[in-house]
Structure formats: C-alpha cells, structure tokens
Amino acid sequence: MIKHLNPASMPTPVAPVYAQISIAPAGAFAFIAGQVAIDADGWLLGKDDHRLQAEQCFRNLKDALDALGVGTKHIVRMGLHVVRHRDELVATIFEAGHAVFGQSWPVCASIFLGVERLGHADWLVEIDAIVSLPTDFDAPRISG
C-alpha cells in the first residue's frame, strides 16, 4: 500500500491534490510515458484548448492504468507539463482531471510545470506517471 506523508516540518500542500512525500513498497514500478491529447485513433483533441487537451491526457493515463490492472491509488508520482502556463490554468487542469477520475483523483507526489513547448507545437499539456505495481502483478497479461 502506498503511504502519503505531509510532515509538519514541510509546507502544507496548497491543494488536496498532492502529497509532499509518497512511499511505495519495494517491488516493481511502471513508468507511464508522457500522455498528450492524442486519442486511440491518432487524432489530436482540443487544439488550442488546455482543458480539452488535459482531459484527453488524463483519459490516456486512465487507459494506461486500466491496461496495468491498477487504479489511481497506485500512482506514486505524476508530472504535469503545461505550455503557456498562467495561474488560472491550475484550476482548469485539475478540473479536467477530476472530470476523468472523479473521487478517485490520484493524490501522490507531483510536479506541475509551465513549459515553453512540448514535443509538437500543437501539444499544450503532457502528463506522465510512475506507478507502484502490486506484488502479484503479471506483466504478460498486457497485450501489445
């Protein structure tokens, strides 16, 4: 089971969407590549729209978790990268995540970075994650 800590000696998280420290049991980890707003058919969703792109990124992340047979409680760390970041986009990005995950929002160690550009000029949001896998995880059950 992953434990989340917010030591009194550290700042209180500015929102209940992350923890200062995540501790995962020793075992296997999965590293989910940065997910952008491309759907399973290869189409970019939400050109010039941070909210729509973030939702697709979170959907792709959820699909990766489903493929692994785990849930958001297994995420140890999540990285969010946002092009042309401005303060109001914090709420926009997290609202998109809550639209996908609902009450299962992945509270974990995280980083939210404003970046100049991602791998393609039309990409506005990219989200990656590190997942702690259960001890009984069976990798061959994943196709592809």
C-alpha atoms as a PDB file:
ATOM      1  CA  MET A   1       0.000   0.000   0.000  1.00  0.00           C
ATOM      2  CA  ILE A   2       1.322   3.440  -0.882  1.00  0.00           C
ATOM      3  CA  LYS A   3       1.637   5.868   2.006  1.00  0.00           C
ATOM      4  CA  HIS A   4       1.396   9.619   1.618  1.00  0.00           C
ATOM      5  CA  LEU A   5       3.042  11.969   4.083  1.00  0.00           C
ATOM      6  CA  ASN A   6       2.800  15.683   4.706  1.00  0.00           C
ATOM      7  CA  PRO A   7       5.313  16.230   7.537  1.00  0.00           C
ATOM      8  CA  ALA A   8       4.585  19.142   9.865  1.00  0.00           C
ATOM      9  CA  SER A   9       8.099  20.422   9.129  1.00  0.00           C
ATOM     10  CA  MET A  10       7.150  20.942   5.464  1.00  0.00           C
ATOM     11  CA  PRO A  11       4.648  23.330   3.885  1.00  0.00           C
ATOM     12  CA  THR A  12       1.063  22.119   3.824  1.00  0.00           C
ATOM     13  CA  PRO A  13       0.099  21.234   0.229  1.00  0.00           C
ATOM     14  CA  VAL A  14      -1.581  24.208  -1.426  1.00  0.00           C
ATOM     15  CA  ALA A  15      -4.411  21.889  -2.544  1.00  0.00           C
ATOM     16  CA  PRO A  16      -5.520  18.390  -1.552  1.00  0.00           C
ATOM     17  CA  VAL A  17      -4.484  17.016  -4.945  1.00  0.00           C
ATOM     18  CA  TYR A  18      -0.940  16.019  -3.936  1.00  0.00           C
ATOM     19  CA  ALA A  19       1.220  14.884  -1.046  1.00  0.00           C
ATOM     20  CA  GLN A  20       4.711  16.099  -0.167  1.00  0.00           C
ATOM     21  CA  ILE A  21       6.022  12.517   0.020  1.00  0.00           C
ATOM     22  CA  SER A  22       4.782   9.216  -1.425  1.00  0.00           C
ATOM     23  CA  ILE A  23       6.270   5.959  -0.169  1.00  0.00           C
ATOM     24  CA  ALA A  24       5.776   2.806  -2.211  1.00  0.00           C
ATOM     25  CA  PRO A  25       6.567  -0.710  -1.024  1.00  0.00           C
ATOM     26  CA  ALA A  26       9.622  -2.321  -2.563  1.00  0.00           C
ATOM     27  CA  GLY A  27       8.672  -4.034  -5.781  1.00  0.00           C
ATOM     28  CA  ALA A  28       8.056  -3.369  -9.432  1.00  0.00           C
ATOM     29  CA  PHE A  29       7.228   0.009 -10.912  1.00  0.00           C
ATOM     30  CA  ALA A  30       5.660   1.040 -14.200  1.00  0.00           C
ATOM     31  CA  PHE A  31       6.696   4.304 -15.804  1.00  0.00           C
ATOM     32  CA  ILE A  32       3.871   5.710 -17.914  1.00  0.00           C
ATOM     33  CA  ALA A  33       5.192   7.841 -20.740  1.00  0.00           C
ATOM     34  CA  GLY A  34       4.070  11.422 -21.129  1.00  0.00           C
ATOM     35  CA  GLN A  35       0.490  11.364 -22.365  1.00  0.00           C
ATOM     36  CA  VAL A  36      -0.650  14.087 -24.743  1.00  0.00           C
ATOM     37  CA  ALA A  37      -4.097  14.836 -26.173  1.00  0.00           C
ATOM     38  CA  ILE A  38      -3.973  12.218 -28.924  1.00  0.00           C
ATOM     39  CA  ASP A  39      -6.799   9.670 -28.867  1.00  0.00           C
ATOM     40  CA  ALA A  40      -6.588   5.964 -29.755  1.00  0.00           C
ATOM     41  CA  ASP A  41      -7.311   6.804 -33.415  1.00  0.00           C
ATOM     42  CA  GLY A  42      -4.352   9.192 -33.565  1.00  0.00           C
ATOM     43  CA  TRP A  43      -6.347  12.430 -33.527  1.00  0.00           C
ATOM     44  CA  LEU A  44      -5.293  15.464 -31.509  1.00  0.00           C
ATOM     45  CA  LEU A  45      -8.206  16.670 -29.393  1.00  0.00           C
ATOM     46  CA  GLY A  46      -8.689  20.251 -28.239  1.00  0.00           C
ATOM     47  CA  LYS A  47      -6.339  22.212 -30.468  1.00  0.00           C
ATOM     48  CA  ASP A  48      -5.654  25.490 -28.623  1.00  0.00           C
ATOM     49  CA  ASP A  49      -7.755  24.325 -25.632  1.00  0.00           C
ATOM     50  CA  HIS A  50      -5.869  23.444 -22.432  1.00  0.00           C
ATOM     51  CA  ARG A  51      -8.956  21.975 -20.753  1.00  0.00           C
ATOM     52  CA  LEU A  52      -9.849  19.581 -23.577  1.00  0.00           C
ATOM     53  CA  GLN A  53      -6.245  18.551 -24.029  1.00  0.00           C
ATOM     54  CA  ALA A  54      -5.835  17.908 -20.308  1.00  0.00           C
ATOM     55  CA  GLU A  55      -8.969  15.732 -20.258  1.00  0.00           C
ATOM     56  CA  GLN A  56      -7.604  13.594 -23.085  1.00  0.00           C
ATOM     57  CA  CYS A  57      -4.233  13.322 -21.342  1.00  0.00           C
ATOM     58  CA  PHE A  58      -5.968  12.120 -18.176  1.00  0.00           C
ATOM     59  CA  ARG A  59      -8.115   9.682 -20.205  1.00  0.00           C
ATOM     60  CA  ASN A  60      -4.938   8.262 -21.750  1.00  0.00           C
ATOM     61  CA  LEU A  61      -3.395   7.980 -18.287  1.00  0.00           C
ATOM     62  CA  LYS A  62      -6.525   6.190 -17.046  1.00  0.00           C
ATOM     63  CA  ASP A  63      -6.337   3.822 -20.033  1.00  0.00           C
ATOM     64  CA  ALA A  64      -2.719   3.024 -19.135  1.00  0.00           C
ATOM     65  CA  LEU A  65      -3.737   2.292 -15.528  1.00  0.00           C
ATOM     66  CA  ASP A  66      -6.584   0.077 -16.774  1.00  0.00           C
ATOM     67  CA  ALA A  67      -4.146  -1.804 -19.026  1.00  0.00           C
ATOM     68  CA  LEU A  68      -1.951  -2.423 -15.989  1.00  0.00           C
ATOM     69  CA  GLY A  69      -4.951  -3.528 -13.953  1.00  0.00           C
ATOM     70  CA  VAL A  70      -4.351  -0.894 -11.286  1.00  0.00           C
ATOM     71  CA  GLY A  71      -6.063   2.279 -10.135  1.00  0.00           C
ATOM     72  CA  THR A  72      -5.086   5.802  -9.224  1.00  0.00           C
ATOM     73  CA  LYS A  73      -4.138   4.714  -5.696  1.00  0.00           C
ATOM     74  CA  HIS A  74      -1.094   3.013  -7.264  1.00  0.00           C
ATOM     75  CA  ILE A  75       0.316   6.257  -8.695  1.00  0.00           C
ATOM     76  CA  VAL A  76       3.404   7.288  -6.739  1.00  0.00           C
ATOM     77  CA  ARG A  77       4.356  10.350  -8.787  1.00  0.00           C
ATOM     78  CA  MET A  78       2.694  12.366 -11.528  1.00  0.00           C
ATOM     79  CA  GLY A  79       4.213  15.076 -13.699  1.00  0.00           C
ATOM     80  CA  LEU A  80       2.084  17.717 -15.400  1.00  0.00           C
ATOM     81  CA  HIS A  81       3.642  19.919 -18.083  1.00  0.00           C
ATOM     82  CA  VAL A  82       1.640  22.869 -19.405  1.00  0.00           C
ATOM     83  CA  VAL A  83       2.538  25.142 -22.317  1.00  0.00           C
ATOM     84  CA  ARG A  84       1.887  28.883 -21.881  1.00  0.00           C
ATOM     85  CA  HIS A  85       1.065  28.301 -18.240  1.00  0.00           C
ATOM     86  CA  ARG A  86      -0.720  31.013 -16.298  1.00  0.00           C
ATOM     87  CA  ASP A  87      -2.215  30.893 -12.812  1.00  0.00           C
ATOM     88  CA  GLU A  88      -5.809  30.220 -13.880  1.00  0.00           C
ATOM     89  CA  LEU A  89      -4.729  27.067 -15.729  1.00  0.00           C
ATOM     90  CA  VAL A  90      -4.032  25.273 -12.442  1.00  0.00           C
ATOM     91  CA  ALA A  91      -7.766  25.028 -11.717  1.00  0.00           C
ATOM     92  CA  THR A  92      -8.511  24.249 -15.369  1.00  0.00           C
ATOM     93  CA  ILE A  93      -6.084  21.317 -15.462  1.00  0.00           C
ATOM     94  CA  PHE A  94      -7.277  19.850 -12.155  1.00  0.00           C
ATOM     95  CA  GLU A  95     -10.934  20.229 -13.163  1.00  0.00           C
ATOM     96  CA  ALA A  96     -10.125  18.200 -16.282  1.00  0.00           C
ATOM     97  CA  GLY A  97      -8.518  15.526 -14.111  1.00  0.00           C
ATOM     98  CA  HIS A  98     -11.494  15.392 -11.783  1.00  0.00           C
ATOM     99  CA  ALA A  99     -13.800  15.049 -14.802  1.00  0.00           C
ATOM    100  CA  VAL A 100     -11.928  11.866 -15.720  1.00  0.00           C
ATOM    101  CA  PHE A 101     -11.098  10.419 -12.289  1.00  0.00           C
ATOM    102  CA  GLY A 102     -13.920  11.792 -10.139  1.00  0.00           C
ATOM    103  CA  GLN A 103     -13.465  10.819  -6.492  1.00  0.00           C
ATOM    104  CA  SER A 104     -10.501   8.620  -7.476  1.00  0.00           C
ATOM    105  CA  TRP A 105      -8.186  11.582  -8.051  1.00  0.00           C
ATOM    106  CA  PRO A 106      -4.572  10.335  -7.718  1.00  0.00           C
ATOM    107  CA  VAL A 107      -3.221  12.034  -4.600  1.00  0.00           C
ATOM    108  CA  CYS A 108       0.540  11.472  -4.911  1.00  0.00           C
ATOM    109  CA  ALA A 109       3.834  13.287  -5.127  1.00  0.00           C
ATOM    110  CA  SER A 110       3.542  15.517  -8.171  1.00  0.00           C
ATOM    111  CA  ILE A 111       5.031  18.362 -10.135  1.00  0.00           C
ATOM    112  CA  PHE A 112       3.175  20.966 -12.204  1.00  0.00           C
ATOM    113  CA  LEU A 113       5.474  22.769 -14.619  1.00  0.00           C
ATOM    114  CA  GLY A 114       4.876  25.590 -17.035  1.00  0.00           C
ATOM    115  CA  VAL A 115       6.960  24.897 -20.130  1.00  0.00           C
ATOM    116  CA  GLU A 116       7.781  26.806 -23.286  1.00  0.00           C
ATOM    117  CA  ARG A 117       6.995  23.945 -25.660  1.00  0.00           C
ATOM    118  CA  LEU A 118       6.362  20.210 -25.778  1.00  0.00           C
ATOM    119  CA  GLY A 119       7.383  17.736 -28.493  1.00  0.00           C
ATOM    120  CA  HIS A 120       4.897  19.130 -31.031  1.00  0.00           C
ATOM    121  CA  ALA A 121       3.742  22.729 -31.450  1.00  0.00           C
ATOM    122  CA  ASP A 122       0.048  21.797 -31.055  1.00  0.00           C
ATOM    123  CA  TRP A 123       0.510  19.947 -27.762  1.00  0.00           C
ATOM    124  CA  LEU A 124      -0.426  22.090 -24.753  1.00  0.00           C
ATOM    125  CA  VAL A 125      -0.444  19.508 -21.938  1.00  0.00           C
ATOM    126  CA  GLU A 126       1.586  16.373 -21.214  1.00  0.00           C
ATOM    127  CA  ILE A 127       1.139  14.131 -18.170  1.00  0.00           C
ATOM    128  CA  ASP A 128       3.352  11.253 -17.069  1.00  0.00           C
ATOM    129  CA  ALA A 129       3.223   8.980 -14.031  1.00  0.00           C
ATOM    130  CA  ILE A 130       5.145   6.429 -12.005  1.00  0.00           C
ATOM    131  CA  VAL A 131       3.039   3.543 -10.710  1.00  0.00           C
ATOM    132  CA  SER A 132       3.823   1.062  -7.946  1.00  0.00           C
ATOM    133  CA  LEU A 133       2.644  -2.343  -9.103  1.00  0.00           C
ATOM    134  CA  PRO A 134       1.078  -4.943  -6.813  1.00  0.00           C
ATOM    135  CA  THR A 135       3.356  -7.794  -5.743  1.00  0.00           C
ATOM    136  CA  ASP A 136       1.222 -10.251  -7.718  1.00  0.00           C
ATOM    137  CA  PHE A 137       1.499  -8.216 -10.950  1.00  0.00           C
ATOM    138  CA  ASP A 138       1.744 -10.398 -14.058  1.00  0.00           C
ATOM    139  CA  ALA A 139       3.300  -8.401 -16.927  1.00  0.00           C
ATOM    140  CA  PRO A 140       2.487 -10.895 -19.708  1.00  0.00           C
ATOM    141  CA  ARG A 141      -1.244 -10.196 -19.351  1.00  0.00           C
ATOM    142  CA  ILE A 142      -0.727  -6.883 -21.170  1.00  0.00           C
ATOM    143  CA  SER A 143      -1.118  -7.047 -24.938  1.00  0.00           C
ATOM    144  CA  GLY A 144       0.997  -5.004 -27.305  1.00  0.00           C
END
